[in-house]
Amino acid sequence: MTSANLLPSRAQRRSMRSARLQRVLLISAVSGLAISALAWAVLERRIVRQDLRNDFVRGALAELQPSLRERLQMEKAIEQYEQQVSRLQRLAGQRPPWGSIFADLAKSTPPTMHLQEIRYQAGQLSLSGRAHTQAVILQYQRRLGGVPWAAETSLVETKALVGATGESRFAFEIHILVKPPAPDRTAGETSLVLSRKVLPASDGSADRSSWS
């Protein structure tokens, strides 16, 4: 019977397998390092590009900041101007029609009457002055009752006075309730005091100085 020694061939095969395993491990390690280096290079390149983009955005924002501040300031100024215009419009809607009031007072005042003071408060117009007779005062009250802006007139007081020349006059005070503004406007309380010869007397400066 013939016998063969297989130990050398087995050892050779083991050494070959070990060599192949080492080569595979070496190739795997080198491939892993190459892939890692490539991935690092790609990531580093992307980081550099992102940094460049960030620098560009920061520079653009720095250039836009002055114009943005100017625009915000302009918008704020426009808003304040609109608020002021709205406030003035509300105030204009709350005020009585002074042009019509003074025009009607000038047309309705008789030549023998002297208005000394006009007061307006809380929708009421108060007229104080002097006249030659009570009939002139009553006629003046009736005239004022027919003006379009007067809702109601009332003669509050009449008082007989004697001047330095001995001539008698009558002091009076008339209250006029002024009609409120149009329905689309908010009524508000305003106050106005006009005194000291608002409407001049038509009977001469000497008469004005005697009864003022």
N, C-alpha and C. Protein backbone atom coordinates (compact mmCIF):
# COMPACT_ATOMS: atom_id res chain seq x y z
N MET A 1 0.88 -1.20 0.00
CA MET A 1 0.00 0.00 0.00
C MET A 1 0.89 1.22 0.00
N THR A 2 0.53 2.18 -0.92
CA THR A 2 1.36 3.38 -1.06
C THR A 2 0.78 4.49 -0.19
N SER A 3 1.62 5.27 0.51
CA SER A 3 1.19 6.40 1.35
C SER A 3 1.81 7.70 0.84
N ALA A 4 1.03 8.81 0.98
CA ALA A 4 1.52 10.12 0.53
C ALA A 4 1.47 11.11 1.68
N ASN A 5 2.44 12.00 1.70
CA ASN A 5 2.51 13.03 2.75
C ASN A 5 1.84 14.30 2.21
N LEU A 6 0.69 14.67 2.76
CA LEU A 6 -0.09 15.83 2.29
C LEU A 6 0.20 17.10 3.10
N LEU A 7 1.03 17.04 4.07
CA LEU A 7 1.26 18.21 4.92
C LEU A 7 1.88 19.37 4.17
N PRO A 8 2.84 19.20 3.30
CA PRO A 8 3.41 20.35 2.59
C PRO A 8 2.39 21.05 1.70
N SER A 9 1.57 20.28 1.01
CA SER A 9 0.57 20.92 0.13
C SER A 9 -0.46 21.71 0.94
N ARG A 10 -0.83 21.15 2.07
CA ARG A 10 -1.79 21.88 2.91
C ARG A 10 -1.18 23.19 3.44
N ALA A 11 0.05 23.10 3.85
CA ALA A 11 0.72 24.31 4.34
C ALA A 11 0.83 25.34 3.23
N GLN A 12 1.10 24.87 2.03
CA GLN A 12 1.21 25.80 0.91
C GLN A 12 -0.12 26.48 0.62
N ARG A 13 -1.19 25.68 0.65
CA ARG A 13 -2.50 26.27 0.40
C ARG A 13 -2.87 27.29 1.48
N ARG A 14 -2.52 26.96 2.74
CA ARG A 14 -2.81 27.91 3.81
C ARG A 14 -2.04 29.22 3.62
N SER A 15 -0.80 29.08 3.21
CA SER A 15 0.00 30.30 3.00
C SER A 15 -0.56 31.12 1.83
N MET A 16 -1.06 30.43 0.80
CA MET A 16 -1.64 31.14 -0.33
C MET A 16 -2.93 31.87 0.09
N ARG A 17 -3.75 31.15 0.88
CA ARG A 17 -4.99 31.81 1.36
C ARG A 17 -4.65 33.01 2.25
N SER A 18 -3.65 32.85 3.09
CA SER A 18 -3.26 33.96 3.96
C SER A 18 -2.75 35.14 3.13
N ALA A 19 -2.00 34.83 2.08
CA ALA A 19 -1.50 35.92 1.23
C ALA A 19 -2.64 36.63 0.53
N ARG A 20 -3.60 35.82 0.00
CA ARG A 20 -4.75 36.45 -0.66
C ARG A 20 -5.54 37.33 0.32
N LEU A 21 -5.72 36.82 1.55
CA LEU A 21 -6.45 37.60 2.55
C LEU A 21 -5.73 38.90 2.86
N GLN A 22 -4.41 38.84 2.96
CA GLN A 22 -3.65 40.06 3.24
C GLN A 22 -3.78 41.05 2.09
N ARG A 23 -3.74 40.50 0.83
CA ARG A 23 -3.88 41.40 -0.30
C ARG A 23 -5.27 42.05 -0.32
N VAL A 24 -6.30 41.22 -0.02
CA VAL A 24 -7.66 41.77 0.03
C VAL A 24 -7.77 42.84 1.11
N LEU A 25 -7.19 42.55 2.28
CA LEU A 25 -7.23 43.53 3.36
C LEU A 25 -6.48 44.81 2.97
N LEU A 26 -5.33 44.63 2.32
CA LEU A 26 -4.56 45.81 1.92
C LEU A 26 -5.31 46.62 0.88
N ILE A 27 -5.91 45.90 -0.09
CA ILE A 27 -6.67 46.61 -1.12
C ILE A 27 -7.88 47.31 -0.49
N SER A 28 -8.53 46.66 0.46
CA SER A 28 -9.69 47.28 1.13
C SER A 28 -9.27 48.52 1.91
N ALA A 29 -8.13 48.40 2.61
CA ALA A 29 -7.66 49.55 3.37
C ALA A 29 -7.31 50.72 2.46
N VAL A 30 -6.58 50.38 1.34
CA VAL A 30 -6.22 51.44 0.40
C VAL A 30 -7.46 52.05 -0.24
N SER A 31 -8.43 51.21 -0.59
CA SER A 31 -9.68 51.73 -1.17
C SER A 31 -10.44 52.59 -0.18
N GLY A 32 -10.48 52.14 1.09
CA GLY A 32 -11.15 52.95 2.11
C GLY A 32 -10.51 54.30 2.30
N LEU A 33 -9.15 54.27 2.31
CA LEU A 33 -8.45 55.56 2.45
C LEU A 33 -8.70 56.46 1.25
N ALA A 34 -8.71 55.86 0.06
CA ALA A 34 -8.95 56.66 -1.14
C ALA A 34 -10.35 57.24 -1.15
N ILE A 35 -11.33 56.42 -0.79
CA ILE A 35 -12.71 56.90 -0.74
C ILE A 35 -12.86 57.98 0.32
N SER A 36 -12.22 57.77 1.48
CA SER A 36 -12.29 58.77 2.55
C SER A 36 -11.64 60.08 2.10
N ALA A 37 -10.49 59.97 1.44
CA ALA A 37 -9.81 61.18 0.96
C ALA A 37 -10.66 61.90 -0.08
N LEU A 38 -11.28 61.12 -0.98
CA LEU A 38 -12.13 61.72 -2.01
C LEU A 38 -13.35 62.39 -1.37
N ALA A 39 -13.96 61.70 -0.40
CA ALA A 39 -15.12 62.28 0.28
C ALA A 39 -14.72 63.55 1.03
N TRP A 40 -13.57 63.53 1.68
CA TRP A 40 -13.09 64.72 2.40
C TRP A 40 -12.82 65.87 1.43
N ALA A 41 -12.24 65.55 0.29
CA ALA A 41 -11.97 66.60 -0.69
C ALA A 41 -13.27 67.21 -1.22
N VAL A 42 -14.26 66.36 -1.51
CA VAL A 42 -15.55 66.87 -1.99
C VAL A 42 -16.22 67.72 -0.92
N LEU A 43 -16.20 67.24 0.32
CA LEU A 43 -16.83 67.99 1.42
C LEU A 43 -16.11 69.32 1.65
N GLU A 44 -14.79 69.28 1.58
CA GLU A 44 -14.03 70.52 1.77
C GLU A 44 -14.33 71.52 0.65
N ARG A 45 -14.49 71.00 -0.57
CA ARG A 45 -14.81 71.88 -1.68
C ARG A 45 -16.19 72.50 -1.51
N ARG A 46 -17.14 71.70 -1.05
CA ARG A 46 -18.47 72.23 -0.81
C ARG A 46 -18.46 73.27 0.31
N ILE A 47 -17.67 73.03 1.34
CA ILE A 47 -17.56 73.99 2.45
C ILE A 47 -16.98 75.31 1.95
N VAL A 48 -15.96 75.21 1.10
CA VAL A 48 -15.35 76.43 0.54
C VAL A 48 -16.37 77.20 -0.30
N ARG A 49 -17.13 76.47 -1.12
CA ARG A 49 -18.15 77.13 -1.94
C ARG A 49 -19.23 77.78 -1.08
N GLN A 50 -19.63 77.08 -0.02
CA GLN A 50 -20.64 77.66 0.87
C GLN A 50 -20.11 78.89 1.58
N ASP A 51 -18.84 78.86 1.97
CA ASP A 51 -18.24 80.04 2.60
C ASP A 51 -18.23 81.22 1.62
N LEU A 52 -17.93 80.92 0.36
CA LEU A 52 -17.94 81.98 -0.64
C LEU A 52 -19.35 82.55 -0.82
N ARG A 53 -20.34 81.65 -0.84
CA ARG A 53 -21.73 82.13 -0.95
C ARG A 53 -22.10 82.99 0.26
N ASN A 54 -21.72 82.53 1.45
CA ASN A 54 -22.03 83.30 2.66
C ASN A 54 -21.36 84.68 2.63
N ASP A 55 -20.12 84.72 2.18
CA ASP A 55 -19.43 86.01 2.08
C ASP A 55 -20.13 86.92 1.09
N PHE A 56 -20.58 86.34 -0.03
CA PHE A 56 -21.29 87.15 -1.03
C PHE A 56 -22.60 87.70 -0.47
N VAL A 57 -23.35 86.83 0.26
CA VAL A 57 -24.62 87.27 0.84
C VAL A 57 -24.39 88.35 1.89
N ARG A 58 -23.36 88.16 2.74
CA ARG A 58 -23.07 89.18 3.75
C ARG A 58 -22.68 90.50 3.11
N GLY A 59 -21.89 90.45 2.04
CA GLY A 59 -21.53 91.69 1.36
C GLY A 59 -22.73 92.37 0.73
N ALA A 60 -23.62 91.57 0.12
CA ALA A 60 -24.82 92.16 -0.48
C ALA A 60 -25.72 92.79 0.58
N LEU A 61 -25.86 92.10 1.71
CA LEU A 61 -26.66 92.67 2.80
C LEU A 61 -26.04 93.94 3.34
N ALA A 62 -24.72 93.95 3.45
CA ALA A 62 -24.06 95.17 3.93
C ALA A 62 -24.29 96.33 2.98
N GLU A 63 -24.33 96.05 1.67
CA GLU A 63 -24.61 97.12 0.71
C GLU A 63 -26.06 97.56 0.74
N LEU A 64 -26.97 96.62 1.06
CA LEU A 64 -28.39 96.96 1.07
C LEU A 64 -28.86 97.60 2.36
N GLN A 65 -28.10 97.46 3.43
CA GLN A 65 -28.55 97.99 4.72
C GLN A 65 -28.82 99.50 4.69
N PRO A 66 -27.93 100.33 4.10
CA PRO A 66 -28.26 101.77 4.06
C PRO A 66 -29.55 102.06 3.32
N SER A 67 -29.74 101.43 2.16
CA SER A 67 -30.99 101.68 1.41
C SER A 67 -32.20 101.16 2.16
N LEU A 68 -32.04 100.02 2.86
CA LEU A 68 -33.16 99.50 3.65
C LEU A 68 -33.50 100.45 4.79
N ARG A 69 -32.48 101.00 5.46
CA ARG A 69 -32.75 101.96 6.53
C ARG A 69 -33.44 103.20 5.99
N GLU A 70 -32.97 103.69 4.83
CA GLU A 70 -33.61 104.86 4.23
C GLU A 70 -35.06 104.56 3.85
N ARG A 71 -35.31 103.36 3.35
CA ARG A 71 -36.68 103.00 2.98
C ARG A 71 -37.57 102.91 4.20
N LEU A 72 -37.04 102.30 5.28
CA LEU A 72 -37.82 102.21 6.51
C LEU A 72 -38.10 103.61 7.07
N GLN A 73 -37.09 104.48 7.05
CA GLN A 73 -37.31 105.85 7.52
C GLN A 73 -38.34 106.57 6.66
N MET A 74 -38.28 106.37 5.35
CA MET A 74 -39.24 107.00 4.46
C MET A 74 -40.66 106.48 4.72
N GLU A 75 -40.78 105.16 4.90
CA GLU A 75 -42.10 104.59 5.19
C GLU A 75 -42.64 105.11 6.53
N LYS A 76 -41.76 105.25 7.51
CA LYS A 76 -42.19 105.80 8.80
C LYS A 76 -42.63 107.25 8.66
N ALA A 77 -41.87 108.04 7.87
CA ALA A 77 -42.26 109.44 7.66
C ALA A 77 -43.59 109.53 6.92
N ILE A 78 -43.80 108.65 5.93
CA ILE A 78 -45.07 108.65 5.20
C ILE A 78 -46.22 108.29 6.14
N GLU A 79 -45.99 107.30 7.01
CA GLU A 79 -47.04 106.91 7.96
C GLU A 79 -47.38 108.05 8.91
N GLN A 80 -46.34 108.75 9.42
CA GLN A 80 -46.60 109.89 10.29
C GLN A 80 -47.35 110.99 9.55
N TYR A 81 -46.97 111.24 8.30
CA TYR A 81 -47.66 112.26 7.51
C TYR A 81 -49.13 111.89 7.29
N GLU A 82 -49.39 110.61 6.99
CA GLU A 82 -50.78 110.17 6.81
C GLU A 82 -51.57 110.32 8.11
N GLN A 83 -50.94 110.02 9.24
CA GLN A 83 -51.62 110.20 10.52
C GLN A 83 -51.94 111.67 10.77
N GLN A 84 -51.00 112.56 10.46
CA GLN A 84 -51.25 113.99 10.64
C GLN A 84 -52.37 114.47 9.72
N VAL A 85 -52.36 114.00 8.46
CA VAL A 85 -53.43 114.39 7.54
C VAL A 85 -54.77 113.88 8.04
N SER A 86 -54.81 112.64 8.53
CA SER A 86 -56.07 112.09 9.04
C SER A 86 -56.54 112.88 10.26
N ARG A 87 -55.59 113.27 11.13
CA ARG A 87 -55.96 114.05 12.32
C ARG A 87 -56.52 115.42 11.92
N LEU A 88 -55.87 116.05 10.93
CA LEU A 88 -56.35 117.35 10.47
C LEU A 88 -57.72 117.23 9.81
N GLN A 89 -57.95 116.14 9.08
CA GLN A 89 -59.26 115.95 8.46
C GLN A 89 -60.34 115.76 9.51
N ARG A 90 -60.01 115.00 10.58
CA ARG A 90 -61.00 114.83 11.66
C ARG A 90 -61.29 116.16 12.34
N LEU A 91 -60.23 116.95 12.59
CA LEU A 91 -60.44 118.25 13.22
C LEU A 91 -61.25 119.17 12.32
N ALA A 92 -60.96 119.12 11.02
CA ALA A 92 -61.72 119.96 10.09
C ALA A 92 -63.18 119.54 10.05
N GLY A 93 -63.45 118.24 10.20
CA GLY A 93 -64.84 117.79 10.22
C GLY A 93 -65.57 118.16 11.49
N GLN A 94 -64.83 118.41 12.58
CA GLN A 94 -65.46 118.74 13.86
C GLN A 94 -65.72 120.24 14.01
N ARG A 95 -65.10 121.06 13.22
CA ARG A 95 -65.23 122.51 13.39
C ARG A 95 -66.47 123.04 12.69
N PRO A 96 -67.09 124.03 13.27
CA PRO A 96 -68.24 124.67 12.61
C PRO A 96 -67.78 125.43 11.36
N PRO A 97 -68.70 125.77 10.48
CA PRO A 97 -68.34 126.54 9.27
C PRO A 97 -68.13 128.00 9.61
N TRP A 98 -66.92 128.34 10.08
CA TRP A 98 -66.69 129.70 10.56
C TRP A 98 -66.83 130.74 9.47
N GLY A 99 -66.48 130.39 8.24
CA GLY A 99 -66.64 131.37 7.17
C GLY A 99 -68.08 131.79 7.00
N SER A 100 -69.00 130.82 6.97
CA SER A 100 -70.42 131.15 6.86
C SER A 100 -70.93 131.87 8.09
N ILE A 101 -70.44 131.46 9.26
CA ILE A 101 -70.91 132.08 10.51
C ILE A 101 -70.56 133.57 10.54
N PHE A 102 -69.29 133.90 10.27
CA PHE A 102 -68.90 135.31 10.34
C PHE A 102 -69.54 136.12 9.22
N ALA A 103 -69.71 135.50 8.05
CA ALA A 103 -70.38 136.23 6.96
C ALA A 103 -71.83 136.53 7.32
N ASP A 104 -72.54 135.57 7.90
CA ASP A 104 -73.93 135.79 8.29
C ASP A 104 -74.03 136.79 9.44
N LEU A 105 -73.08 136.73 10.38
CA LEU A 105 -73.10 137.70 11.47
C LEU A 105 -72.89 139.11 10.94
N ALA A 106 -71.97 139.27 10.00
CA ALA A 106 -71.72 140.60 9.44
C ALA A 106 -72.94 141.12 8.69
N LYS A 107 -73.64 140.24 7.96
CA LYS A 107 -74.81 140.69 7.20
C LYS A 107 -76.01 140.94 8.11
N SER A 108 -76.11 140.18 9.21
CA SER A 108 -77.30 140.29 10.08
C SER A 108 -77.18 141.40 11.11
N THR A 109 -75.97 141.88 11.41
CA THR A 109 -75.80 142.88 12.46
C THR A 109 -76.31 144.24 11.99
N PRO A 110 -77.25 144.84 12.70
CA PRO A 110 -77.78 146.15 12.31
C PRO A 110 -76.72 147.24 12.47
N PRO A 111 -76.89 148.37 11.78
CA PRO A 111 -75.92 149.46 11.88
C PRO A 111 -75.82 150.05 13.28
N THR A 112 -76.93 150.00 14.05
CA THR A 112 -76.93 150.60 15.39
C THR A 112 -76.52 149.62 16.48
N MET A 113 -75.94 148.49 16.11
CA MET A 113 -75.52 147.48 17.09
C MET A 113 -74.01 147.31 17.03
N HIS A 114 -73.44 147.05 18.18
CA HIS A 114 -72.00 146.86 18.29
C HIS A 114 -71.74 145.53 19.01
N LEU A 115 -71.19 144.54 18.29
CA LEU A 115 -70.79 143.27 18.90
C LEU A 115 -69.43 143.43 19.57
N GLN A 116 -69.36 143.05 20.83
CA GLN A 116 -68.12 143.20 21.57
C GLN A 116 -67.39 141.88 21.80
N GLU A 117 -68.11 140.77 21.84
CA GLU A 117 -67.45 139.50 22.14
C GLU A 117 -68.23 138.35 21.51
N ILE A 118 -67.48 137.40 20.98
CA ILE A 118 -68.06 136.17 20.43
C ILE A 118 -67.33 135.00 21.08
N ARG A 119 -68.10 134.10 21.66
CA ARG A 119 -67.53 132.92 22.31
C ARG A 119 -68.19 131.68 21.73
N TYR A 120 -67.38 130.63 21.57
CA TYR A 120 -67.92 129.35 21.09
C TYR A 120 -67.38 128.24 21.99
N GLN A 121 -68.29 127.41 22.48
CA GLN A 121 -67.87 126.29 23.31
C GLN A 121 -68.97 125.24 23.34
N ALA A 122 -68.57 124.00 23.09
CA ALA A 122 -69.48 122.86 23.18
C ALA A 122 -70.72 123.04 22.31
N GLY A 123 -70.52 123.55 21.08
CA GLY A 123 -71.62 123.67 20.15
C GLY A 123 -72.50 124.88 20.35
N GLN A 124 -72.14 125.78 21.23
CA GLN A 124 -72.96 126.97 21.50
C GLN A 124 -72.16 128.23 21.22
N LEU A 125 -72.76 129.13 20.46
CA LEU A 125 -72.15 130.42 20.12
C LEU A 125 -72.81 131.50 20.96
N SER A 126 -71.99 132.26 21.70
CA SER A 126 -72.49 133.33 22.56
C SER A 126 -72.06 134.67 22.00
N LEU A 127 -73.03 135.57 21.81
CA LEU A 127 -72.77 136.91 21.30
C LEU A 127 -73.09 137.93 22.38
N SER A 128 -72.15 138.83 22.62
CA SER A 128 -72.35 139.91 23.59
C SER A 128 -72.07 141.24 22.91
N GLY A 129 -72.88 142.23 23.24
CA GLY A 129 -72.68 143.54 22.64
C GLY A 129 -73.66 144.56 23.18
N ARG A 130 -73.82 145.67 22.44
CA ARG A 130 -74.71 146.75 22.86
C ARG A 130 -75.46 147.28 21.65
N ALA A 131 -76.67 147.75 21.92
CA ALA A 131 -77.52 148.27 20.86
C ALA A 131 -78.28 149.48 21.38
N HIS A 132 -78.87 150.27 20.44
CA HIS A 132 -79.59 151.47 20.84
C HIS A 132 -80.91 151.15 21.52
N THR A 133 -81.62 150.16 21.03
CA THR A 133 -82.94 149.84 21.58
C THR A 133 -83.09 148.33 21.71
N GLN A 134 -84.09 147.94 22.52
CA GLN A 134 -84.39 146.52 22.66
C GLN A 134 -85.00 145.95 21.38
N ALA A 135 -85.69 146.78 20.63
CA ALA A 135 -86.29 146.31 19.39
C ALA A 135 -85.21 145.86 18.40
N VAL A 136 -84.10 146.58 18.37
CA VAL A 136 -83.00 146.20 17.49
C VAL A 136 -82.44 144.84 17.92
N ILE A 137 -82.37 144.61 19.24
CA ILE A 137 -81.86 143.33 19.75
C ILE A 137 -82.79 142.18 19.34
N LEU A 138 -84.11 142.40 19.51
CA LEU A 138 -85.07 141.36 19.13
C LEU A 138 -85.05 141.09 17.63
N GLN A 139 -84.91 142.14 16.84
CA GLN A 139 -84.82 141.97 15.39
C GLN A 139 -83.56 141.19 15.02
N TYR A 140 -82.47 141.47 15.71
CA TYR A 140 -81.21 140.75 15.46
C TYR A 140 -81.35 139.28 15.81
N GLN A 141 -82.03 138.98 16.91
CA GLN A 141 -82.24 137.58 17.30
C GLN A 141 -83.07 136.85 16.24
N ARG A 142 -84.10 137.51 15.73
CA ARG A 142 -84.92 136.87 14.70
C ARG A 142 -84.11 136.61 13.42
N ARG A 143 -83.25 137.54 13.07
CA ARG A 143 -82.41 137.34 11.89
C ARG A 143 -81.47 136.14 12.08
N LEU A 144 -80.91 136.06 13.27
CA LEU A 144 -80.00 134.94 13.53
C LEU A 144 -80.73 133.61 13.52
N GLY A 145 -81.97 133.59 13.89
CA GLY A 145 -82.74 132.35 13.86
C GLY A 145 -82.97 131.82 12.47
N GLY A 146 -82.80 132.66 11.43
CA GLY A 146 -83.02 132.23 10.07
C GLY A 146 -81.77 131.79 9.32
N VAL A 147 -80.59 131.89 9.95
CA VAL A 147 -79.38 131.48 9.25
C VAL A 147 -79.32 129.95 9.22
N PRO A 148 -78.70 129.35 8.20
CA PRO A 148 -78.75 127.89 8.05
C PRO A 148 -77.98 127.11 9.11
N TRP A 149 -77.00 127.69 9.75
CA TRP A 149 -76.19 126.95 10.72
C TRP A 149 -76.71 127.05 12.14
N ALA A 150 -77.77 127.85 12.37
CA ALA A 150 -78.32 128.03 13.72
C ALA A 150 -79.48 127.07 13.95
N ALA A 151 -79.38 126.26 15.00
CA ALA A 151 -80.47 125.35 15.34
C ALA A 151 -81.47 126.02 16.28
N GLU A 152 -80.99 126.89 17.17
CA GLU A 152 -81.88 127.55 18.13
C GLU A 152 -81.19 128.80 18.66
N THR A 153 -81.95 129.88 18.85
CA THR A 153 -81.41 131.12 19.41
C THR A 153 -82.21 131.49 20.65
N SER A 154 -81.52 132.08 21.61
CA SER A 154 -82.20 132.51 22.84
C SER A 154 -81.55 133.79 23.34
N LEU A 155 -82.39 134.74 23.75
CA LEU A 155 -81.91 136.00 24.33
C LEU A 155 -81.75 135.80 25.82
N VAL A 156 -80.52 135.74 26.27
CA VAL A 156 -80.24 135.40 27.66
C VAL A 156 -80.40 136.61 28.57
N GLU A 157 -79.91 137.77 28.12
CA GLU A 157 -79.89 138.93 29.03
C GLU A 157 -79.95 140.22 28.23
N THR A 158 -80.67 141.18 28.75
CA THR A 158 -80.64 142.56 28.26
C THR A 158 -80.54 143.47 29.47
N LYS A 159 -79.75 144.52 29.37
CA LYS A 159 -79.54 145.41 30.50
C LYS A 159 -79.42 146.84 29.98
N ALA A 160 -80.14 147.74 30.60
CA ALA A 160 -80.09 149.15 30.20
C ALA A 160 -78.85 149.80 30.81
N LEU A 161 -78.13 150.59 29.98
CA LEU A 161 -76.92 151.27 30.41
C LEU A 161 -77.01 152.74 30.00
N VAL A 162 -76.31 153.57 30.74
CA VAL A 162 -76.25 155.00 30.43
C VAL A 162 -74.80 155.36 30.22
N GLY A 163 -74.49 155.96 29.05
CA GLY A 163 -73.12 156.29 28.72
C GLY A 163 -72.68 157.59 29.34
N ALA A 164 -71.44 157.97 29.04
CA ALA A 164 -70.87 159.19 29.60
C ALA A 164 -71.57 160.43 29.07
N THR A 165 -72.16 160.35 27.89
CA THR A 165 -72.87 161.48 27.31
C THR A 165 -74.34 161.52 27.71
N GLY A 166 -74.76 160.59 28.56
CA GLY A 166 -76.15 160.56 28.99
C GLY A 166 -77.06 159.77 28.08
N GLU A 167 -76.54 159.23 27.01
CA GLU A 167 -77.36 158.47 26.07
C GLU A 167 -77.51 157.04 26.60
N SER A 168 -78.69 156.49 26.47
CA SER A 168 -78.96 155.15 26.99
C SER A 168 -78.69 154.10 25.90
N ARG A 169 -78.16 153.00 26.32
CA ARG A 169 -77.93 151.86 25.47
C ARG A 169 -78.38 150.60 26.20
N PHE A 170 -78.43 149.49 25.45
CA PHE A 170 -78.84 148.22 26.04
C PHE A 170 -77.77 147.17 25.75
N ALA A 171 -77.24 146.59 26.84
CA ALA A 171 -76.29 145.47 26.69
C ALA A 171 -77.10 144.18 26.56
N PHE A 172 -76.61 143.26 25.77
CA PHE A 172 -77.35 142.02 25.54
C PHE A 172 -76.38 140.85 25.43
N GLU A 173 -76.95 139.67 25.56
CA GLU A 173 -76.21 138.42 25.33
C GLU A 173 -77.17 137.42 24.68
N ILE A 174 -76.77 136.91 23.54
CA ILE A 174 -77.58 135.96 22.77
C ILE A 174 -76.81 134.66 22.63
N HIS A 175 -77.50 133.56 22.91
CA HIS A 175 -76.90 132.24 22.73
C HIS A 175 -77.50 131.58 21.49
N ILE A 176 -76.62 130.99 20.67
CA ILE A 176 -77.05 130.31 19.45
C ILE A 176 -76.53 128.88 19.50
N LEU A 177 -77.44 127.93 19.38
CA LEU A 177 -77.04 126.53 19.31
C LEU A 177 -76.69 126.20 17.85
N VAL A 178 -75.41 125.91 17.61
CA VAL A 178 -74.93 125.65 16.26
C VAL A 178 -75.26 124.21 15.87
N LYS A 179 -75.73 124.03 14.66
CA LYS A 179 -76.07 122.69 14.18
C LYS A 179 -74.81 121.83 14.10
N PRO A 180 -74.92 120.55 14.45
CA PRO A 180 -73.74 119.67 14.39
C PRO A 180 -73.31 119.44 12.95
N PRO A 181 -72.07 118.94 12.77
CA PRO A 181 -71.59 118.66 11.41
C PRO A 181 -72.42 117.57 10.74
N ALA A 182 -72.04 117.26 9.50
CA ALA A 182 -72.76 116.25 8.72
C ALA A 182 -72.69 114.90 9.43
N PRO A 183 -73.64 113.98 9.17
CA PRO A 183 -73.67 112.70 9.86
C PRO A 183 -72.43 111.86 9.68
N ASP A 184 -71.68 112.02 8.58
CA ASP A 184 -70.50 111.19 8.36
C ASP A 184 -69.28 111.74 9.06
N ARG A 185 -69.43 112.78 9.85
CA ARG A 185 -68.31 113.33 10.60
C ARG A 185 -68.60 113.19 12.09
N THR A 186 -67.54 112.97 12.84
CA THR A 186 -67.68 112.81 14.29
C THR A 186 -67.69 114.17 14.94
N ALA A 187 -68.74 114.45 15.71
CA ALA A 187 -68.82 115.75 16.39
C ALA A 187 -67.87 115.78 17.56
N GLY A 188 -67.21 116.89 17.76
CA GLY A 188 -66.29 117.04 18.88
C GLY A 188 -66.46 118.41 19.50
N GLU A 189 -65.94 118.52 20.67
CA GLU A 189 -66.06 119.78 21.40
C GLU A 189 -64.83 120.62 21.11
N THR A 190 -65.05 121.84 20.63
CA THR A 190 -63.98 122.80 20.42
C THR A 190 -64.31 124.06 21.19
N SER A 191 -63.32 124.85 21.42
CA SER A 191 -63.50 126.06 22.20
C SER A 191 -62.81 127.21 21.49
N LEU A 192 -63.50 128.32 21.38
CA LEU A 192 -62.95 129.49 20.71
C LEU A 192 -63.45 130.71 21.43
N VAL A 193 -62.58 131.65 21.75
CA VAL A 193 -62.96 132.90 22.39
C VAL A 193 -62.38 134.04 21.56
N LEU A 194 -63.22 134.84 21.00
CA LEU A 194 -62.82 136.03 20.25
C LEU A 194 -63.44 137.23 20.93
N SER A 195 -62.64 138.17 21.33
CA SER A 195 -63.16 139.29 22.11
C SER A 195 -62.59 140.59 21.57
N ARG A 196 -63.09 141.66 22.11
CA ARG A 196 -62.66 143.04 21.86
C ARG A 196 -62.92 143.46 20.42
N LYS A 197 -64.18 143.84 20.18
CA LYS A 197 -64.59 144.44 18.91
C LYS A 197 -64.35 143.50 17.73
N VAL A 198 -65.06 142.35 17.72
CA VAL A 198 -64.94 141.41 16.60
C VAL A 198 -65.51 142.02 15.34
N LEU A 199 -66.70 142.60 15.44
CA LEU A 199 -67.31 143.27 14.31
C LEU A 199 -67.37 144.76 14.61
N PRO A 200 -66.83 145.60 13.76
CA PRO A 200 -66.81 147.04 14.06
C PRO A 200 -68.21 147.65 13.96
N ALA A 201 -68.43 148.65 14.77
CA ALA A 201 -69.70 149.38 14.71
C ALA A 201 -69.74 150.24 13.46
N SER A 202 -70.90 150.40 12.93
CA SER A 202 -71.03 151.19 11.70
C SER A 202 -71.45 152.62 11.95
N ASP A 203 -71.51 153.04 13.23
CA ASP A 203 -71.98 154.39 13.55
C ASP A 203 -70.84 155.28 14.00
N GLY A 204 -69.56 154.98 13.62
CA GLY A 204 -68.47 155.93 13.90
C GLY A 204 -67.57 155.45 15.01
N SER A 205 -66.29 155.87 14.94
CA SER A 205 -65.31 155.46 15.94
C SER A 205 -65.56 156.14 17.27
N ALA A 206 -66.11 157.34 17.31
CA ALA A 206 -66.38 158.01 18.59
C ALA A 206 -67.40 157.25 19.38
N ASP A 207 -68.45 156.72 18.70
CA ASP A 207 -69.45 155.95 19.40
C ASP A 207 -68.86 154.65 19.95
N ARG A 208 -67.90 154.02 19.23
CA ARG A 208 -67.30 152.80 19.68
C ARG A 208 -66.49 153.04 20.94
N SER A 209 -65.76 154.12 21.01
CA SER A 209 -64.94 154.40 22.18
C SER A 209 -65.78 154.76 23.38
N SER A 210 -66.98 155.31 23.19
CA SER A 210 -67.82 155.70 24.32
C SER A 210 -68.44 154.48 24.98
N TRP A 211 -68.75 153.38 24.21
CA TRP A 211 -69.51 152.27 24.77
C TRP A 211 -68.67 151.00 24.91
N SER A 212 -67.37 151.02 24.69
CA SER A 212 -66.56 149.81 24.81
C SER A 212 -66.16 149.58 26.25
